[in-house]
Each structure stands twice: as structure tokens, then as C-alpha cells.
């Protein structure tokens, strides 16, 4: 057990850690020692702790009819813009396109950098808010990552070798082509079985930013190989985070007919 460095004799353990953190801030050690808030500051602090309340119809009117931003609405009610956004989510109020909010505005490079850092810190670039949602940028992205084998495929290759699974990689040499499609892995023990590794952005219409044809979806892929007499197992890249679950899934598939 370590003792508190101030000489008070208290032991540093989990039970009294809260006391140790607070008692050092007492008296002159407290940064607010000898200072007093004005009435105006006290009122502001009090207002910050008051539960924010607003009607759905009024919030919708301010946002859609009067075209105010969440920051502008927040200033009216002395609330954070994030609080306004959370209210809109709870009320089911749809957001405007991000481009409309800054229409006609031109930001400096420094301001753009600050916006970028804020979006990263607050995780505001996920899902449909991702700046990579523009089709032209997505096309460039697709071209840049069309390298075989991909990282999920490399993980799968290592996985098959480590556990002696009866599947070999087929992406580069294309030893097996089924109806103009090259499966990622095929069974090298004679069974008509193939495995495809799917990424959400390429094959999941719910999480992608582009329109995905049925032939590239999970069901469409399974039906394509079934028509050629092959059984197909789809493994999503996110599933590779749980190796044991994937192992059981592949074993059950390889043992089936």
C-alpha cells in the first residue's frame, strides 16, 4: 500500500481514492480559494443545470421553417448545440443536408482544420454523415483499395492454415470461376463449397453509400452459386473479430453436404 504524499497518513487504495482526490483540493489548494462568483455567473451556472425543455412543434418550426442551425437554437435557449441535436433525435425530426447549413460560406484553412478535428473528436463523421459519402470520392476509394488479397482475406488465409480448414484462397490466380464470378475461397477436398468474405461498404445496402445490386448482396450471391450447384458461406469482415465463432461456423459448413 502506498501512502498519500501530503503526509496525512492515508493509504492509497480503491476504497478511499475519492477522499484522496477531494481532500487535496480543500482550502488554499482549491483553485477557487478566495474567489467568489458574481450573481450573473451564479445565474448562468444555475440555468445550465435546469433541464432543457422545448416542444417538438416549436423546435421543428425553428429548424425547418426559420432555417436556424442547432447552434443558433441552442443560443436562444442557453443550451449546447449537441443538446438540440439529441432532442431532434428523440422527437424524430430529420436533419437538413449538411451542405445547406454552410451554403455560401467560405472558411479559412485554419477554420476547416478545427472543424475536422471537432468532427473526429465528437464522432460526427459516422454513417451518412461521413464526408466520404460523395459518389465520386467513393469511386476513387474503391479503385485505391482493389488490391488482392485484402486484409480480411489475409486474416482468413492465416485462419485456414492455422486450423487446417479445407479451403484455399482463390482471389489472385482464379483457379475456380463460377458463372463469371471468382469466389474468395473454395473447398480443396472435392466438395462443391465456396466462401465469400464480404465487407459492409461493398455488399450491405443498409451501411453502404452506393446502390448495391441484388447480385452483390448476401442472398443474391448465395443464389448465384446455388444455381451452379455450389453451396456458399458468407463471412462478413466484422465477424473476423471473433475467431472462435467464425471457426465453428466454417467447421459446420465444411461438414455439411
C-alpha atoms as a PDB file:
ATOM      1  CA  UNK A   1       0.000   0.000   0.000  1.00  0.00           C
ATOM      2  CA  UNK A   2       1.276   3.466  -0.917  1.00  0.00           C
ATOM      3  CA  UNK A   3       0.761   6.389   1.431  1.00  0.00           C
ATOM      4  CA  UNK A   4      -0.619   9.773   0.420  1.00  0.00           C
ATOM      5  CA  UNK A   5       2.274  12.158  -0.445  1.00  0.00           C
ATOM      6  CA  UNK A   6       0.884  15.038   1.618  1.00  0.00           C
ATOM      7  CA  UNK A   7       1.813  13.280   4.860  1.00  0.00           C
ATOM      8  CA  UNK A   8      -1.744  12.781   6.057  1.00  0.00           C
ATOM      9  CA  UNK A   9      -1.095   9.063   6.563  1.00  0.00           C
ATOM     10  CA  UNK A  10      -3.963   7.925   4.333  1.00  0.00           C
ATOM     11  CA  UNK A  11      -3.323   4.774   2.287  1.00  0.00           C
ATOM     12  CA  UNK A  12      -3.837   4.919  -1.474  1.00  0.00           C
ATOM     13  CA  UNK A  13      -6.408   2.241  -2.223  1.00  0.00           C
ATOM     14  CA  UNK A  14      -9.622   1.988  -4.222  1.00  0.00           C
ATOM     15  CA  UNK A  15     -11.835   2.448  -1.183  1.00  0.00           C
ATOM     16  CA  UNK A  16     -10.601   5.921  -0.208  1.00  0.00           C
ATOM     17  CA  UNK A  17      -9.411   7.133  -3.616  1.00  0.00           C
ATOM     18  CA  UNK A  18     -12.313   9.572  -3.788  1.00  0.00           C
ATOM     19  CA  UNK A  19     -11.305  11.105  -0.439  1.00  0.00           C
ATOM     20  CA  UNK A  20      -7.671  11.464  -1.555  1.00  0.00           C
ATOM     21  CA  UNK A  21      -8.663  13.251  -4.775  1.00  0.00           C
ATOM     22  CA  UNK A  22     -11.016  15.656  -2.999  1.00  0.00           C
ATOM     23  CA  UNK A  23      -9.129  16.488   0.182  1.00  0.00           C
ATOM     24  CA  UNK A  24      -6.164  17.837  -1.799  1.00  0.00           C
ATOM     25  CA  UNK A  25      -8.478  20.467  -3.294  1.00  0.00           C
ATOM     26  CA  UNK A  26      -9.587  21.813   0.059  1.00  0.00           C
ATOM     27  CA  UNK A  27      -8.528  25.200   1.416  1.00  0.00           C
ATOM     28  CA  UNK A  28      -5.722  27.007  -0.405  1.00  0.00           C
ATOM     29  CA  UNK A  29      -5.149  24.039  -2.706  1.00  0.00           C
ATOM     30  CA  UNK A  30      -8.513  24.661  -4.340  1.00  0.00           C
ATOM     31  CA  UNK A  31      -8.169  26.807  -7.498  1.00  0.00           C
ATOM     32  CA  UNK A  32     -11.355  28.681  -6.471  1.00  0.00           C
ATOM     33  CA  UNK A  33      -9.980  29.571  -2.996  1.00  0.00           C
ATOM     34  CA  UNK A  34     -10.725  33.208  -2.141  1.00  0.00           C
ATOM     35  CA  UNK A  35     -12.776  33.709  -5.318  1.00  0.00           C
ATOM     36  CA  UNK A  36     -16.487  34.425  -5.473  1.00  0.00           C
ATOM     37  CA  UNK A  37     -18.863  34.184  -8.410  1.00  0.00           C
ATOM     38  CA  UNK A  38     -20.956  37.205  -9.281  1.00  0.00           C
ATOM     39  CA  UNK A  39     -24.746  36.925  -9.223  1.00  0.00           C
ATOM     40  CA  UNK A  40     -24.772  36.937 -13.026  1.00  0.00           C
ATOM     41  CA  UNK A  41     -22.324  33.995 -13.162  1.00  0.00           C
ATOM     42  CA  UNK A  42     -24.287  32.123 -10.498  1.00  0.00           C
ATOM     43  CA  UNK A  43     -27.489  32.581 -12.527  1.00  0.00           C
ATOM     44  CA  UNK A  44     -25.742  31.266 -15.654  1.00  0.00           C
ATOM     45  CA  UNK A  45     -24.490  28.188 -13.784  1.00  0.00           C
ATOM     46  CA  UNK A  46     -27.975  27.655 -12.386  1.00  0.00           C
ATOM     47  CA  UNK A  47     -29.556  27.952 -15.823  1.00  0.00           C
ATOM     48  CA  UNK A  48     -27.103  25.370 -17.209  1.00  0.00           C
ATOM     49  CA  UNK A  49     -28.351  22.827 -14.674  1.00  0.00           C
ATOM     50  CA  UNK A  50     -32.037  23.430 -15.423  1.00  0.00           C
ATOM     51  CA  UNK A  51     -33.476  20.611 -17.523  1.00  0.00           C
ATOM     52  CA  UNK A  52     -33.853  21.770 -21.123  1.00  0.00           C
ATOM     53  CA  UNK A  53     -37.462  21.719 -22.318  1.00  0.00           C
ATOM     54  CA  UNK A  54     -38.931  22.558 -25.709  1.00  0.00           C
ATOM     55  CA  UNK A  55     -41.974  21.416 -27.667  1.00  0.00           C
ATOM     56  CA  UNK A  56     -41.476  19.301 -30.758  1.00  0.00           C
ATOM     57  CA  UNK A  57     -43.607  21.588 -32.956  1.00  0.00           C
ATOM     58  CA  UNK A  58     -41.670  24.693 -31.891  1.00  0.00           C
ATOM     59  CA  UNK A  59     -38.279  23.032 -32.415  1.00  0.00           C
ATOM     60  CA  UNK A  60     -39.355  21.828 -35.852  1.00  0.00           C
ATOM     61  CA  UNK A  61     -40.565  25.324 -36.761  1.00  0.00           C
ATOM     62  CA  UNK A  62     -37.263  26.933 -35.725  1.00  0.00           C
ATOM     63  CA  UNK A  63     -35.182  24.363 -37.550  1.00  0.00           C
ATOM     64  CA  UNK A  64     -37.156  23.826 -40.777  1.00  0.00           C
ATOM     65  CA  UNK A  65     -39.327  26.932 -41.246  1.00  0.00           C
ATOM     66  CA  UNK A  66     -36.972  29.599 -39.895  1.00  0.00           C
ATOM     67  CA  UNK A  67     -33.878  27.674 -41.090  1.00  0.00           C
ATOM     68  CA  UNK A  68     -31.964  28.157 -37.845  1.00  0.00           C
ATOM     69  CA  UNK A  69     -28.981  25.945 -37.096  1.00  0.00           C
ATOM     70  CA  UNK A  70     -28.744  23.820 -33.960  1.00  0.00           C
ATOM     71  CA  UNK A  71     -26.144  26.261 -32.596  1.00  0.00           C
ATOM     72  CA  UNK A  72     -28.463  29.229 -33.165  1.00  0.00           C
ATOM     73  CA  UNK A  73     -31.361  27.404 -31.490  1.00  0.00           C
ATOM     74  CA  UNK A  74     -29.070  26.496 -28.604  1.00  0.00           C
ATOM     75  CA  UNK A  75     -28.170  30.159 -28.060  1.00  0.00           C
ATOM     76  CA  UNK A  76     -31.855  31.078 -27.812  1.00  0.00           C
ATOM     77  CA  UNK A  77     -32.439  28.553 -25.023  1.00  0.00           C
ATOM     78  CA  UNK A  78     -28.952  28.814 -23.491  1.00  0.00           C
ATOM     79  CA  UNK A  79     -28.254  25.185 -24.376  1.00  0.00           C
ATOM     80  CA  UNK A  80     -25.490  23.309 -26.140  1.00  0.00           C
ATOM     81  CA  UNK A  81     -25.959  22.542 -29.852  1.00  0.00           C
ATOM     82  CA  UNK A  82     -25.410  18.852 -29.049  1.00  0.00           C
ATOM     83  CA  UNK A  83     -28.386  19.028 -26.655  1.00  0.00           C
ATOM     84  CA  UNK A  84     -30.544  20.369 -29.503  1.00  0.00           C
ATOM     85  CA  UNK A  85     -29.410  17.562 -31.792  1.00  0.00           C
ATOM     86  CA  UNK A  86     -30.259  14.943 -29.160  1.00  0.00           C
ATOM     87  CA  UNK A  87     -33.726  16.484 -28.762  1.00  0.00           C
ATOM     88  CA  UNK A  88     -34.240  16.285 -32.510  1.00  0.00           C
ATOM     89  CA  UNK A  89     -33.294  12.604 -32.490  1.00  0.00           C
ATOM     90  CA  UNK A  90     -35.737  11.877 -29.660  1.00  0.00           C
ATOM     91  CA  UNK A  91     -38.525  13.809 -31.426  1.00  0.00           C
ATOM     92  CA  UNK A  92     -37.742  12.098 -34.742  1.00  0.00           C
ATOM     93  CA  UNK A  93     -37.016  15.400 -36.523  1.00  0.00           C
ATOM     94  CA  UNK A  94     -34.929  14.857 -39.643  1.00  0.00           C
ATOM     95  CA  UNK A  95     -31.776  16.900 -40.162  1.00  0.00           C
ATOM     96  CA  UNK A  96     -31.122  19.093 -43.167  1.00  0.00           C
ATOM     97  CA  UNK A  97     -28.310  18.213 -45.540  1.00  0.00           C
ATOM     98  CA  UNK A  98     -25.026  19.400 -44.104  1.00  0.00           C
ATOM     99  CA  UNK A  99     -24.258  21.414 -47.245  1.00  0.00           C
ATOM    100  CA  UNK A 100     -27.305  23.663 -46.731  1.00  0.00           C
ATOM    101  CA  UNK A 101     -26.117  24.871 -43.351  1.00  0.00           C
ATOM    102  CA  UNK A 102     -22.902  26.336 -44.802  1.00  0.00           C
ATOM    103  CA  UNK A 103     -24.300  27.379 -48.168  1.00  0.00           C
ATOM    104  CA  UNK A 104     -22.488  30.480 -49.449  1.00  0.00           C
ATOM    105  CA  UNK A 105     -19.910  30.451 -46.638  1.00  0.00           C
ATOM    106  CA  UNK A 106     -16.160  30.242 -47.200  1.00  0.00           C
ATOM    107  CA  UNK A 107     -13.926  29.077 -44.371  1.00  0.00           C
ATOM    108  CA  UNK A 108     -10.201  29.627 -43.958  1.00  0.00           C
ATOM    109  CA  UNK A 109      -7.806  26.669 -43.880  1.00  0.00           C
ATOM    110  CA  UNK A 110      -7.369  27.089 -40.122  1.00  0.00           C
ATOM    111  CA  UNK A 111     -11.143  27.045 -39.587  1.00  0.00           C
ATOM    112  CA  UNK A 112     -11.521  23.956 -41.794  1.00  0.00           C
ATOM    113  CA  UNK A 113      -8.841  22.176 -39.752  1.00  0.00           C
ATOM    114  CA  UNK A 114     -10.654  22.980 -36.492  1.00  0.00           C
ATOM    115  CA  UNK A 115     -13.957  21.706 -37.916  1.00  0.00           C
ATOM    116  CA  UNK A 116     -12.272  18.477 -38.989  1.00  0.00           C
ATOM    117  CA  UNK A 117     -10.724  17.926 -35.560  1.00  0.00           C
ATOM    118  CA  UNK A 118     -14.060  18.606 -33.835  1.00  0.00           C
ATOM    119  CA  UNK A 119     -15.890  16.115 -36.057  1.00  0.00           C
ATOM    120  CA  UNK A 120     -13.289  13.436 -35.292  1.00  0.00           C
ATOM    121  CA  UNK A 121     -13.389  14.051 -31.529  1.00  0.00           C
ATOM    122  CA  UNK A 122     -17.198  14.024 -31.405  1.00  0.00           C
ATOM    123  CA  UNK A 123     -17.547  11.085 -33.814  1.00  0.00           C
ATOM    124  CA  UNK A 124     -19.687  13.185 -36.168  1.00  0.00           C
ATOM    125  CA  UNK A 125     -18.309  11.567 -39.315  1.00  0.00           C
ATOM    126  CA  UNK A 126     -20.012   8.184 -38.959  1.00  0.00           C
ATOM    127  CA  UNK A 127     -22.712   6.659 -41.133  1.00  0.00           C
ATOM    128  CA  UNK A 128     -24.464   9.037 -43.526  1.00  0.00           C
ATOM    129  CA  UNK A 129     -22.525  11.982 -42.022  1.00  0.00           C
ATOM    130  CA  UNK A 130     -19.259  10.658 -43.367  1.00  0.00           C
ATOM    131  CA  UNK A 131     -17.602  13.094 -45.833  1.00  0.00           C
ATOM    132  CA  UNK A 132     -16.737  10.002 -47.901  1.00  0.00           C
ATOM    133  CA  UNK A 133     -20.406   9.649 -48.829  1.00  0.00           C
ATOM    134  CA  UNK A 134     -19.950  11.526 -52.140  1.00  0.00           C
ATOM    135  CA  UNK A 135     -20.147   9.071 -55.094  1.00  0.00           C
ATOM    136  CA  UNK A 136     -17.096  10.499 -56.896  1.00  0.00           C
ATOM    137  CA  UNK A 137     -14.922  10.117 -53.762  1.00  0.00           C
ATOM    138  CA  UNK A 138     -16.245   6.596 -53.177  1.00  0.00           C
ATOM    139  CA  UNK A 139     -15.247   5.593 -56.730  1.00  0.00           C
ATOM    140  CA  UNK A 140     -11.694   6.829 -56.145  1.00  0.00           C
ATOM    141  CA  UNK A 141     -11.645   4.977 -52.843  1.00  0.00           C
ATOM    142  CA  UNK A 142     -12.763   1.734 -54.485  1.00  0.00           C
ATOM    143  CA  UNK A 143     -10.007   1.964 -57.102  1.00  0.00           C
ATOM    144  CA  UNK A 144      -7.349   2.598 -54.454  1.00  0.00           C
ATOM    145  CA  UNK A 145      -8.224  -0.471 -52.376  1.00  0.00           C
ATOM    146  CA  UNK A 146      -8.732  -3.032 -55.133  1.00  0.00           C
ATOM    147  CA  UNK A 147      -5.656  -4.962 -54.083  1.00  0.00           C
ATOM    148  CA  UNK A 148      -5.765  -8.700 -53.593  1.00  0.00           C
ATOM    149  CA  UNK A 149      -5.687 -10.246 -51.140  1.00  0.00           C
ATOM    150  CA  UNK A 150      -7.441  -7.734 -48.918  1.00  0.00           C
ATOM    151  CA  UNK A 151      -6.777  -7.549 -45.177  1.00  0.00           C
ATOM    152  CA  UNK A 152      -9.884  -9.651 -44.252  1.00  0.00           C
ATOM    153  CA  UNK A 153      -8.832 -12.217 -46.880  1.00  0.00           C
ATOM    154  CA  UNK A 154      -5.306 -12.352 -45.404  1.00  0.00           C
ATOM    155  CA  UNK A 155      -6.797 -12.958 -41.962  1.00  0.00           C
ATOM    156  CA  UNK A 156      -8.957 -15.740 -43.410  1.00  0.00           C
ATOM    157  CA  UNK A 157      -5.939 -17.311 -45.168  1.00  0.00           C
ATOM    158  CA  UNK A 158      -3.997 -17.377 -41.900  1.00  0.00           C
ATOM    159  CA  UNK A 159      -7.084 -18.741 -40.151  1.00  0.00           C
ATOM    160  CA  UNK A 160      -7.471 -21.648 -42.614  1.00  0.00           C
ATOM    161  CA  UNK A 161      -3.777 -22.538 -42.382  1.00  0.00           C
ATOM    162  CA  UNK A 162      -3.683 -22.377 -38.574  1.00  0.00           C
ATOM    163  CA  UNK A 163      -6.720 -24.623 -38.013  1.00  0.00           C
ATOM    164  CA  UNK A 164      -6.266 -26.872 -41.064  1.00  0.00           C
ATOM    165  CA  UNK A 165      -9.539 -25.870 -42.703  1.00  0.00           C
ATOM    166  CA  UNK A 166     -10.209 -27.430 -46.163  1.00  0.00           C
ATOM    167  CA  UNK A 167     -10.363 -24.088 -48.008  1.00  0.00           C
ATOM    168  CA  UNK A 168      -7.760 -22.331 -50.168  1.00  0.00           C
ATOM    169  CA  UNK A 169      -7.557 -18.766 -51.429  1.00  0.00           C
ATOM    170  CA  UNK A 170      -8.769 -18.263 -54.994  1.00  0.00           C
ATOM    171  CA  UNK A 171      -8.618 -14.482 -55.476  1.00  0.00           C
ATOM    172  CA  UNK A 172      -5.372 -13.901 -57.391  1.00  0.00           C
ATOM    173  CA  UNK A 173      -4.926 -16.991 -59.598  1.00  0.00           C
ATOM    174  CA  UNK A 174      -8.665 -17.577 -60.092  1.00  0.00           C
ATOM    175  CA  UNK A 175      -8.311 -21.376 -60.209  1.00  0.00           C
ATOM    176  CA  UNK A 176     -12.101 -21.651 -59.960  1.00  0.00           C
ATOM    177  CA  UNK A 177     -14.547 -19.420 -61.858  1.00  0.00           C
ATOM    178  CA  UNK A 178     -18.275 -19.999 -61.383  1.00  0.00           C
ATOM    179  CA  UNK A 179     -20.599 -18.162 -63.757  1.00  0.00           C
ATOM    180  CA  UNK A 180     -18.164 -15.264 -64.333  1.00  0.00           C
ATOM    181  CA  UNK A 181     -17.603 -14.924 -60.605  1.00  0.00           C
ATOM    182  CA  UNK A 182     -14.428 -15.726 -58.724  1.00  0.00           C
ATOM    183  CA  UNK A 183     -15.093 -16.956 -55.176  1.00  0.00           C
ATOM    184  CA  UNK A 184     -12.622 -15.878 -52.485  1.00  0.00           C
ATOM    185  CA  UNK A 185     -12.114 -19.437 -51.163  1.00  0.00           C
ATOM    186  CA  UNK A 186     -13.098 -22.901 -52.361  1.00  0.00           C
ATOM    187  CA  UNK A 187     -13.056 -26.381 -50.813  1.00  0.00           C
ATOM    188  CA  UNK A 188      -9.930 -28.305 -51.924  1.00  0.00           C
ATOM    189  CA  UNK A 189     -11.259 -31.649 -50.676  1.00  0.00           C
ATOM    190  CA  UNK A 190     -13.673 -32.182 -53.549  1.00  0.00           C
ATOM    191  CA  UNK A 191     -16.835 -30.696 -52.054  1.00  0.00           C
ATOM    192  CA  UNK A 192     -18.675 -28.066 -54.077  1.00  0.00           C
ATOM    193  CA  UNK A 193     -18.346 -25.385 -51.426  1.00  0.00           C
ATOM    194  CA  UNK A 194     -17.119 -21.787 -51.621  1.00  0.00           C
ATOM    195  CA  UNK A 195     -16.632 -18.987 -49.101  1.00  0.00           C
ATOM    196  CA  UNK A 196     -17.008 -15.285 -49.797  1.00  0.00           C
ATOM    197  CA  UNK A 197     -15.611 -12.572 -47.497  1.00  0.00           C
ATOM    198  CA  UNK A 198     -17.966  -9.580 -47.516  1.00  0.00           C
ATOM    199  CA  UNK A 199     -17.335  -6.016 -46.414  1.00  0.00           C
ATOM    200  CA  UNK A 200     -20.255  -3.814 -45.431  1.00  0.00           C
ATOM    201  CA  UNK A 201     -19.447  -0.943 -47.780  1.00  0.00           C
ATOM    202  CA  UNK A 202     -19.418  -3.247 -50.835  1.00  0.00           C
ATOM    203  CA  UNK A 203     -22.245  -5.665 -50.031  1.00  0.00           C
ATOM    204  CA  UNK A 204     -24.546  -4.326 -47.280  1.00  0.00           C
ATOM    205  CA  UNK A 205     -27.120  -1.880 -48.705  1.00  0.00           C
ATOM    206  CA  UNK A 206     -28.011  -0.693 -45.180  1.00  0.00           C
ATOM    207  CA  UNK A 207     -24.474   0.502 -44.457  1.00  0.00           C
ATOM    208  CA  UNK A 208     -23.194   1.456 -47.881  1.00  0.00           C
ATOM    209  CA  UNK A 209     -23.242   4.857 -49.568  1.00  0.00           C
ATOM    210  CA  UNK A 210     -23.847   3.480 -53.053  1.00  0.00           C
ATOM    211  CA  UNK A 211     -26.631   1.444 -54.600  1.00  0.00           C
ATOM    212  CA  UNK A 212     -25.760  -2.256 -54.364  1.00  0.00           C
ATOM    213  CA  UNK A 213     -27.316  -4.589 -56.984  1.00  0.00           C
ATOM    214  CA  UNK A 214     -29.019  -7.754 -55.755  1.00  0.00           C
ATOM    215  CA  UNK A 215     -26.334  -9.989 -57.286  1.00  0.00           C
ATOM    216  CA  UNK A 216     -23.766  -8.498 -54.882  1.00  0.00           C
ATOM    217  CA  UNK A 217     -25.908  -8.874 -51.757  1.00  0.00           C
ATOM    218  CA  UNK A 218     -25.648 -11.865 -49.424  1.00  0.00           C
ATOM    219  CA  UNK A 219     -28.834 -13.538 -50.705  1.00  0.00           C
ATOM    220  CA  UNK A 220     -28.042 -12.774 -54.353  1.00  0.00           C
ATOM    221  CA  UNK A 221     -24.556 -14.300 -54.038  1.00  0.00           C
ATOM    222  CA  UNK A 222     -25.855 -17.461 -52.362  1.00  0.00           C
ATOM    223  CA  UNK A 223     -28.490 -17.898 -55.087  1.00  0.00           C
ATOM    224  CA  UNK A 224     -25.886 -17.382 -57.836  1.00  0.00           C
ATOM    225  CA  UNK A 225     -23.640 -20.194 -56.582  1.00  0.00           C
ATOM    226  CA  UNK A 226     -26.623 -22.417 -55.780  1.00  0.00           C
ATOM    227  CA  UNK A 227     -27.723 -22.162 -59.410  1.00  0.00           C
ATOM    228  CA  UNK A 228     -24.313 -23.528 -60.424  1.00  0.00           C
ATOM    229  CA  UNK A 229     -24.517 -26.381 -57.911  1.00  0.00           C
ATOM    230  CA  UNK A 230     -22.307 -24.851 -55.194  1.00  0.00           C
ATOM    231  CA  UNK A 231     -23.030 -24.098 -51.574  1.00  0.00           C
ATOM    232  CA  UNK A 232     -21.795 -20.681 -50.472  1.00  0.00           C
ATOM    233  CA  UNK A 233     -20.909 -19.421 -47.000  1.00  0.00           C
ATOM    234  CA  UNK A 234     -20.814 -15.654 -46.433  1.00  0.00           C
ATOM    235  CA  UNK A 235     -18.449 -14.347 -43.761  1.00  0.00           C
ATOM    236  CA  UNK A 236     -18.668 -10.640 -43.006  1.00  0.00           C
ATOM    237  CA  UNK A 237     -15.409  -8.857 -42.229  1.00  0.00           C
ATOM    238  CA  UNK A 238     -16.792  -7.765 -38.849  1.00  0.00           C
ATOM    239  CA  UNK A 239     -17.204 -11.434 -37.867  1.00  0.00           C
ATOM    240  CA  UNK A 240     -13.432 -11.974 -38.067  1.00  0.00           C
ATOM    241  CA  UNK A 241     -13.129 -10.092 -34.783  1.00  0.00           C
ATOM    242  CA  UNK A 242     -14.471 -13.235 -33.122  1.00  0.00           C
ATOM    243  CA  UNK A 243     -12.224 -16.073 -34.426  1.00  0.00           C
ATOM    244  CA  UNK A 244     -13.826 -18.866 -32.384  1.00  0.00           C
ATOM    245  CA  UNK A 245     -17.290 -18.047 -33.679  1.00  0.00           C
ATOM    246  CA  UNK A 246     -16.010 -17.989 -37.280  1.00  0.00           C
ATOM    247  CA  UNK A 247     -14.163 -21.281 -36.717  1.00  0.00           C
ATOM    248  CA  UNK A 248     -17.338 -23.033 -35.572  1.00  0.00           C
ATOM    249  CA  UNK A 249     -19.249 -21.522 -38.487  1.00  0.00           C
ATOM    250  CA  UNK A 250     -16.739 -22.788 -41.087  1.00  0.00           C
ATOM    251  CA  UNK A 251     -16.454 -26.250 -39.496  1.00  0.00           C
ATOM    252  CA  UNK A 252     -20.232 -26.674 -39.524  1.00  0.00           C
ATOM    253  CA  UNK A 253     -20.310 -25.551 -43.181  1.00  0.00           C
ATOM    254  CA  UNK A 254     -17.467 -27.848 -44.311  1.00  0.00           C
ATOM    255  CA  UNK A 255     -19.059 -30.896 -42.612  1.00  0.00           C
ATOM    256  CA  UNK A 256     -22.417 -30.297 -44.346  1.00  0.00           C
ATOM    257  CA  UNK A 257     -23.225 -31.692 -47.783  1.00  0.00           C
END
